[in-house]
Amino acid sequence: MPLDITSADDRLIRRLHGEYGAFVARTTWLLAQAGSDLQNAAHLRAEARRDALRKIPKIDDETGKAKLAMHISAEIDDDPQVKKWEAKCQSHERDVEELKALKEIYSGYVTRLSREMSMRNDEFSRGGR
């Protein structure tokens, strides 16, 4: 994207508008996929947490008393499957955030290029060129 689009010719503006429009479409599709991947990983993480909870003894072997909820929660968080799905969720969350930022940038370019095309068209209509 040129820093100064006012000095670019009309053909370049139209070409860039089309290219960045395609980038927005592609990024939107990738964002939808990343969101779906995040949702799936979150479901699998929740399932791993439920499985870990079923396996954890609720009575402390040393004291013979019921474990505190925070201790059980810490044991769940320490489960290898829970850790695996937590890492995947974090990775997908990063992907989603990066794609959102990229989509915002591309959308901004499309808006700027569209505005420039409209201003040039208005100027041409008034006989300014």
C-alpha atoms as a PDB file:
ATOM      1  CA  MET A   1       0.000   0.000   0.000  1.00  0.00           C
ATOM      2  CA  PRO A   2       1.534   3.333  -1.010  1.00  0.00           C
ATOM      3  CA  LEU A   3       1.969   5.881   1.754  1.00  0.00           C
ATOM      4  CA  ASP A   4       0.546   8.621  -0.478  1.00  0.00           C
ATOM      5  CA  ILE A   5      -2.322   7.283  -2.562  1.00  0.00           C
ATOM      6  CA  THR A   6      -3.140  10.745  -3.919  1.00  0.00           C
ATOM      7  CA  SER A   7      -0.120  10.510  -6.226  1.00  0.00           C
ATOM      8  CA  ALA A   8      -1.041   7.026  -7.518  1.00  0.00           C
ATOM      9  CA  ASP A   9      -2.799   6.718 -10.856  1.00  0.00           C
ATOM     10  CA  ASP A  10      -6.409   5.561 -11.147  1.00  0.00           C
ATOM     11  CA  ARG A  11      -5.517   2.105 -12.436  1.00  0.00           C
ATOM     12  CA  LEU A  12      -3.257   1.423  -9.460  1.00  0.00           C
ATOM     13  CA  ILE A  13      -5.977   2.568  -7.049  1.00  0.00           C
ATOM     14  CA  ARG A  14      -8.524   0.229  -8.677  1.00  0.00           C
ATOM     15  CA  ARG A  15      -6.036  -2.667  -8.715  1.00  0.00           C
ATOM     16  CA  LEU A  16      -5.111  -2.159  -5.067  1.00  0.00           C
ATOM     17  CA  HIS A  17      -8.792  -1.882  -4.119  1.00  0.00           C
ATOM     18  CA  GLY A  18      -9.463  -5.254  -5.736  1.00  0.00           C
ATOM     19  CA  GLU A  19      -6.402  -6.890  -4.199  1.00  0.00           C
ATOM     20  CA  TYR A  20      -7.096  -5.665  -0.688  1.00  0.00           C
ATOM     21  CA  GLY A  21     -10.764  -6.567  -1.064  1.00  0.00           C
ATOM     22  CA  ALA A  22      -9.627 -10.119  -1.841  1.00  0.00           C
ATOM     23  CA  PHE A  23      -7.299 -10.013   1.184  1.00  0.00           C
ATOM     24  CA  VAL A  24     -10.233  -9.021   3.407  1.00  0.00           C
ATOM     25  CA  ALA A  25     -12.315 -11.909   2.053  1.00  0.00           C
ATOM     26  CA  ARG A  26      -9.494 -14.420   2.563  1.00  0.00           C
ATOM     27  CA  THR A  27      -8.723 -13.122   6.048  1.00  0.00           C
ATOM     28  CA  THR A  28     -12.414 -13.282   6.973  1.00  0.00           C
ATOM     29  CA  TRP A  29     -12.530 -16.926   5.892  1.00  0.00           C
ATOM     30  CA  LEU A  30      -9.320 -17.743   7.808  1.00  0.00           C
ATOM     31  CA  LEU A  31     -10.723 -15.952  10.860  1.00  0.00           C
ATOM     32  CA  ALA A  32     -13.884 -18.062  10.710  1.00  0.00           C
ATOM     33  CA  GLN A  33     -11.778 -21.227  10.533  1.00  0.00           C
ATOM     34  CA  ALA A  34      -9.568 -20.112  13.417  1.00  0.00           C
ATOM     35  CA  GLY A  35     -12.650 -19.299  15.495  1.00  0.00           C
ATOM     36  CA  SER A  36     -14.058 -22.741  14.783  1.00  0.00           C
ATOM     37  CA  ASP A  37     -10.732 -24.351  15.716  1.00  0.00           C
ATOM     38  CA  LEU A  38     -10.719 -22.387  18.973  1.00  0.00           C
ATOM     39  CA  GLN A  39     -14.260 -23.455  19.783  1.00  0.00           C
ATOM     40  CA  ASN A  40     -13.458 -27.111  19.088  1.00  0.00           C
ATOM     41  CA  ALA A  41     -10.295 -26.973  21.218  1.00  0.00           C
ATOM     42  CA  ALA A  42     -12.257 -25.351  24.048  1.00  0.00           C
ATOM     43  CA  HIS A  43     -14.809 -28.197  23.949  1.00  0.00           C
ATOM     44  CA  LEU A  44     -12.028 -30.777  24.043  1.00  0.00           C
ATOM     45  CA  ARG A  45     -10.316 -28.914  26.893  1.00  0.00           C
ATOM     46  CA  ALA A  46     -13.577 -28.978  28.871  1.00  0.00           C
ATOM     47  CA  GLU A  47     -13.902 -32.703  28.212  1.00  0.00           C
ATOM     48  CA  ALA A  48     -10.300 -33.264  29.349  1.00  0.00           C
ATOM     49  CA  ARG A  49     -11.061 -31.297  32.534  1.00  0.00           C
ATOM     50  CA  ARG A  50     -14.139 -33.464  33.218  1.00  0.00           C
ATOM     51  CA  ASP A  51     -12.122 -36.645  32.657  1.00  0.00           C
ATOM     52  CA  ALA A  52      -9.352 -35.403  34.955  1.00  0.00           C
ATOM     53  CA  LEU A  53     -11.905 -34.532  37.650  1.00  0.00           C
ATOM     54  CA  ARG A  54     -13.317 -38.071  37.544  1.00  0.00           C
ATOM     55  CA  LYS A  55      -9.828 -39.585  37.981  1.00  0.00           C
ATOM     56  CA  ILE A  56      -8.677 -37.382  40.867  1.00  0.00           C
ATOM     57  CA  PRO A  57      -9.225 -38.799  44.362  1.00  0.00           C
ATOM     58  CA  LYS A  58     -11.385 -36.437  46.403  1.00  0.00           C
ATOM     59  CA  ILE A  59      -9.947 -37.583  49.740  1.00  0.00           C
ATOM     60  CA  ASP A  60      -6.393 -36.616  50.750  1.00  0.00           C
ATOM     61  CA  ASP A  61      -4.359 -39.787  51.425  1.00  0.00           C
ATOM     62  CA  GLU A  62      -2.270 -38.117  54.156  1.00  0.00           C
ATOM     63  CA  THR A  63      -5.057 -36.530  56.201  1.00  0.00           C
ATOM     64  CA  GLY A  64      -8.014 -38.699  55.274  1.00  0.00           C
ATOM     65  CA  LYS A  65     -10.063 -35.504  54.792  1.00  0.00           C
ATOM     66  CA  ALA A  66     -11.786 -34.162  51.721  1.00  0.00           C
ATOM     67  CA  LYS A  67      -9.532 -32.101  49.475  1.00  0.00           C
ATOM     68  CA  LEU A  68     -10.221 -28.409  49.073  1.00  0.00           C
ATOM     69  CA  ALA A  69     -11.702 -27.336  45.742  1.00  0.00           C
ATOM     70  CA  MET A  70      -8.622 -25.250  44.950  1.00  0.00           C
ATOM     71  CA  HIS A  71      -6.398 -28.312  45.383  1.00  0.00           C
ATOM     72  CA  ILE A  72      -8.604 -30.388  43.110  1.00  0.00           C
ATOM     73  CA  SER A  73      -8.616 -27.577  40.567  1.00  0.00           C
ATOM     74  CA  ALA A  74      -4.817 -27.398  40.679  1.00  0.00           C
ATOM     75  CA  GLU A  75      -4.593 -31.155  40.074  1.00  0.00           C
ATOM     76  CA  ILE A  76      -6.968 -30.830  37.123  1.00  0.00           C
ATOM     77  CA  ASP A  77      -4.826 -28.037  35.666  1.00  0.00           C
ATOM     78  CA  ASP A  78      -1.755 -30.270  36.061  1.00  0.00           C
ATOM     79  CA  ASP A  79      -3.291 -33.129  34.031  1.00  0.00           C
ATOM     80  CA  PRO A  80      -1.320 -33.714  30.777  1.00  0.00           C
ATOM     81  CA  GLN A  81      -4.431 -33.770  28.565  1.00  0.00           C
ATOM     82  CA  VAL A  82      -5.756 -30.576  30.131  1.00  0.00           C
ATOM     83  CA  LYS A  83      -2.370 -28.918  29.594  1.00  0.00           C
ATOM     84  CA  LYS A  84      -2.312 -30.083  25.970  1.00  0.00           C
ATOM     85  CA  TRP A  85      -5.745 -28.634  25.189  1.00  0.00           C
ATOM     86  CA  GLU A  86      -5.061 -25.474  27.151  1.00  0.00           C
ATOM     87  CA  ALA A  87      -1.953 -24.876  25.011  1.00  0.00           C
ATOM     88  CA  LYS A  88      -3.973 -25.504  21.842  1.00  0.00           C
ATOM     89  CA  CYS A  89      -6.659 -23.059  22.985  1.00  0.00           C
ATOM     90  CA  GLN A  90      -4.042 -20.400  23.651  1.00  0.00           C
ATOM     91  CA  SER A  91      -2.511 -20.978  20.231  1.00  0.00           C
ATOM     92  CA  HIS A  92      -5.905 -20.648  18.522  1.00  0.00           C
ATOM     93  CA  GLU A  93      -6.669 -17.515  20.565  1.00  0.00           C
ATOM     94  CA  ARG A  94      -3.423 -15.949  19.283  1.00  0.00           C
ATOM     95  CA  ASP A  95      -4.359 -16.908  15.722  1.00  0.00           C
ATOM     96  CA  VAL A  96      -7.790 -15.319  16.104  1.00  0.00           C
ATOM     97  CA  GLU A  97      -6.330 -12.086  17.503  1.00  0.00           C
ATOM     98  CA  GLU A  98      -3.725 -11.859  14.739  1.00  0.00           C
ATOM     99  CA  LEU A  99      -6.313 -12.461  12.026  1.00  0.00           C
ATOM    100  CA  LYS A 100      -8.667  -9.874  13.545  1.00  0.00           C
ATOM    101  CA  ALA A 101      -5.875  -7.301  13.439  1.00  0.00           C
ATOM    102  CA  LEU A 102      -4.982  -8.225   9.864  1.00  0.00           C
ATOM    103  CA  LYS A 103      -8.611  -7.994   8.775  1.00  0.00           C
ATOM    104  CA  GLU A 104      -8.883  -4.562  10.390  1.00  0.00           C
ATOM    105  CA  ILE A 105      -5.774  -3.355   8.544  1.00  0.00           C
ATOM    106  CA  TYR A 106      -6.965  -4.677   5.181  1.00  0.00           C
ATOM    107  CA  SER A 107     -10.472  -3.293   5.714  1.00  0.00           C
ATOM    108  CA  GLY A 108      -8.969   0.102   6.497  1.00  0.00           C
ATOM    109  CA  TYR A 109      -7.001   0.005   3.245  1.00  0.00           C
ATOM    110  CA  VAL A 110     -10.129  -0.894   1.275  1.00  0.00           C
ATOM    111  CA  THR A 111     -11.995   1.993   2.903  1.00  0.00           C
ATOM    112  CA  ARG A 112      -9.201   4.457   2.124  1.00  0.00           C
ATOM    113  CA  LEU A 113      -8.917   3.282  -1.471  1.00  0.00           C
ATOM    114  CA  SER A 114     -12.690   3.388  -1.929  1.00  0.00           C
ATOM    115  CA  ARG A 115     -12.801   6.919  -0.555  1.00  0.00           C
ATOM    116  CA  GLU A 116      -9.982   7.972  -2.899  1.00  0.00           C
ATOM    117  CA  MET A 117     -11.807   6.455  -5.886  1.00  0.00           C
ATOM    118  CA  SER A 118     -15.026   8.268  -4.898  1.00  0.00           C
ATOM    119  CA  MET A 119     -13.241  11.596  -4.521  1.00  0.00           C
ATOM    120  CA  ARG A 120     -11.580  11.180  -7.919  1.00  0.00           C
ATOM    121  CA  ASN A 121     -14.883  10.236  -9.510  1.00  0.00           C
ATOM    122  CA  ASP A 122     -16.593  13.278  -7.982  1.00  0.00           C
ATOM    123  CA  GLU A 123     -13.764  15.505  -9.151  1.00  0.00           C
ATOM    124  CA  PHE A 124     -13.985  14.046 -12.653  1.00  0.00           C
ATOM    125  CA  SER A 125     -17.775  14.510 -12.706  1.00  0.00           C
ATOM    126  CA  ARG A 126     -17.368  18.193 -11.878  1.00  0.00           C
ATOM    127  CA  GLY A 127     -14.842  18.566 -14.690  1.00  0.00           C
ATOM    128  CA  GLY A 128     -11.803  18.852 -12.453  1.00  0.00           C
ATOM    129  CA  ARG A 129      -9.641  16.656 -14.668  1.00  0.00           C
END
